[in-house]
């Protein structure tokens, strides 16, 4: 049985992707809002505090917006 893909797993993958992508400036990634982010099956849609979509995350990878 496969474990459920949780919000914490999604944010960890998101932060890893953003920090690996920004080797020059090392800016801190936008912090997703737990209240506004949502999950559809095994995909998390991470939103910022304003409700804007910042990333789509699943076990296969991260798509930044």
C-alpha atoms as a PDB file:
ATOM      1  CA  UNK A   1       0.000   0.000   0.000  1.00  0.00           C
ATOM      2  CA  UNK A   2       1.364   3.400  -1.003  1.00  0.00           C
ATOM      3  CA  UNK A   3       1.382   6.241   1.517  1.00  0.00           C
ATOM      4  CA  UNK A   4      -0.760   9.294   0.789  1.00  0.00           C
ATOM      5  CA  UNK A   5       1.008  12.296  -0.740  1.00  0.00           C
ATOM      6  CA  UNK A   6       0.621  14.923   1.982  1.00  0.00           C
ATOM      7  CA  UNK A   7       0.924  18.720   2.015  1.00  0.00           C
ATOM      8  CA  UNK A   8       4.276  18.539   3.835  1.00  0.00           C
ATOM      9  CA  UNK A   9       5.691  16.259   1.117  1.00  0.00           C
ATOM     10  CA  UNK A  10       4.506  18.652  -1.586  1.00  0.00           C
ATOM     11  CA  UNK A  11       5.995  21.736   0.091  1.00  0.00           C
ATOM     12  CA  UNK A  12       9.304  19.929   0.644  1.00  0.00           C
ATOM     13  CA  UNK A  13       9.537  19.042  -3.078  1.00  0.00           C
ATOM     14  CA  UNK A  14       8.514  22.585  -4.040  1.00  0.00           C
ATOM     15  CA  UNK A  15      11.194  24.211  -1.850  1.00  0.00           C
ATOM     16  CA  UNK A  16      13.839  21.813  -3.127  1.00  0.00           C
ATOM     17  CA  UNK A  17      12.962  22.619  -6.748  1.00  0.00           C
ATOM     18  CA  UNK A  18      13.021  26.398  -6.175  1.00  0.00           C
ATOM     19  CA  UNK A  19      16.326  26.402  -4.293  1.00  0.00           C
ATOM     20  CA  UNK A  20      17.984  24.136  -6.881  1.00  0.00           C
ATOM     21  CA  UNK A  21      16.743  26.397  -9.701  1.00  0.00           C
ATOM     22  CA  UNK A  22      18.135  29.572  -8.119  1.00  0.00           C
ATOM     23  CA  UNK A  23      21.843  28.960  -7.640  1.00  0.00           C
ATOM     24  CA  UNK A  24      22.873  32.587  -8.181  1.00  0.00           C
ATOM     25  CA  UNK A  25      20.722  34.623  -5.806  1.00  0.00           C
ATOM     26  CA  UNK A  26      19.574  31.927  -3.337  1.00  0.00           C
ATOM     27  CA  UNK A  27      16.234  33.641  -2.776  1.00  0.00           C
ATOM     28  CA  UNK A  28      13.810  32.048  -0.350  1.00  0.00           C
ATOM     29  CA  UNK A  29      10.842  30.475  -2.143  1.00  0.00           C
ATOM     30  CA  UNK A  30       7.346  31.882  -1.676  1.00  0.00           C
ATOM     31  CA  UNK A  31       5.684  30.206   1.267  1.00  0.00           C
ATOM     32  CA  UNK A  32       2.523  28.367   0.193  1.00  0.00           C
ATOM     33  CA  UNK A  33      -0.640  28.912   2.178  1.00  0.00           C
ATOM     34  CA  UNK A  34      -1.898  25.696   3.756  1.00  0.00           C
ATOM     35  CA  UNK A  35      -5.432  27.116   3.869  1.00  0.00           C
ATOM     36  CA  UNK A  36      -5.552  28.061   0.169  1.00  0.00           C
ATOM     37  CA  UNK A  37      -3.608  25.116  -1.272  1.00  0.00           C
ATOM     38  CA  UNK A  38      -5.580  22.057  -2.270  1.00  0.00           C
ATOM     39  CA  UNK A  39      -5.130  18.489  -3.438  1.00  0.00           C
ATOM     40  CA  UNK A  40      -6.716  16.620  -6.351  1.00  0.00           C
ATOM     41  CA  UNK A  41      -5.913  12.889  -6.207  1.00  0.00           C
ATOM     42  CA  UNK A  42      -2.097  12.860  -5.933  1.00  0.00           C
ATOM     43  CA  UNK A  43      -1.461  16.425  -7.151  1.00  0.00           C
ATOM     44  CA  UNK A  44      -1.105  19.432  -4.853  1.00  0.00           C
ATOM     45  CA  UNK A  45      -1.893  22.920  -6.124  1.00  0.00           C
ATOM     46  CA  UNK A  46       0.145  25.240  -3.924  1.00  0.00           C
ATOM     47  CA  UNK A  47      -1.172  28.793  -3.666  1.00  0.00           C
ATOM     48  CA  UNK A  48       0.309  31.883  -2.008  1.00  0.00           C
ATOM     49  CA  UNK A  49      -1.491  33.992   0.603  1.00  0.00           C
ATOM     50  CA  UNK A  50      -3.266  35.938  -2.161  1.00  0.00           C
ATOM     51  CA  UNK A  51      -4.696  32.761  -3.686  1.00  0.00           C
ATOM     52  CA  UNK A  52      -2.404  32.811  -6.735  1.00  0.00           C
ATOM     53  CA  UNK A  53      -1.197  29.405  -7.935  1.00  0.00           C
ATOM     54  CA  UNK A  54       2.579  29.167  -7.451  1.00  0.00           C
ATOM     55  CA  UNK A  55       3.226  25.464  -8.131  1.00  0.00           C
ATOM     56  CA  UNK A  56       1.660  22.162  -9.098  1.00  0.00           C
ATOM     57  CA  UNK A  57       3.355  19.279  -7.297  1.00  0.00           C
ATOM     58  CA  UNK A  58       3.038  15.506  -7.580  1.00  0.00           C
ATOM     59  CA  UNK A  59       5.405  12.608  -6.949  1.00  0.00           C
ATOM     60  CA  UNK A  60       6.741  12.927 -10.497  1.00  0.00           C
ATOM     61  CA  UNK A  61       7.841  16.535 -10.235  1.00  0.00           C
ATOM     62  CA  UNK A  62       7.146  20.201  -9.683  1.00  0.00           C
ATOM     63  CA  UNK A  63       5.758  22.728 -12.164  1.00  0.00           C
ATOM     64  CA  UNK A  64       6.388  26.332 -11.113  1.00  0.00           C
ATOM     65  CA  UNK A  65       4.105  29.198 -12.179  1.00  0.00           C
END
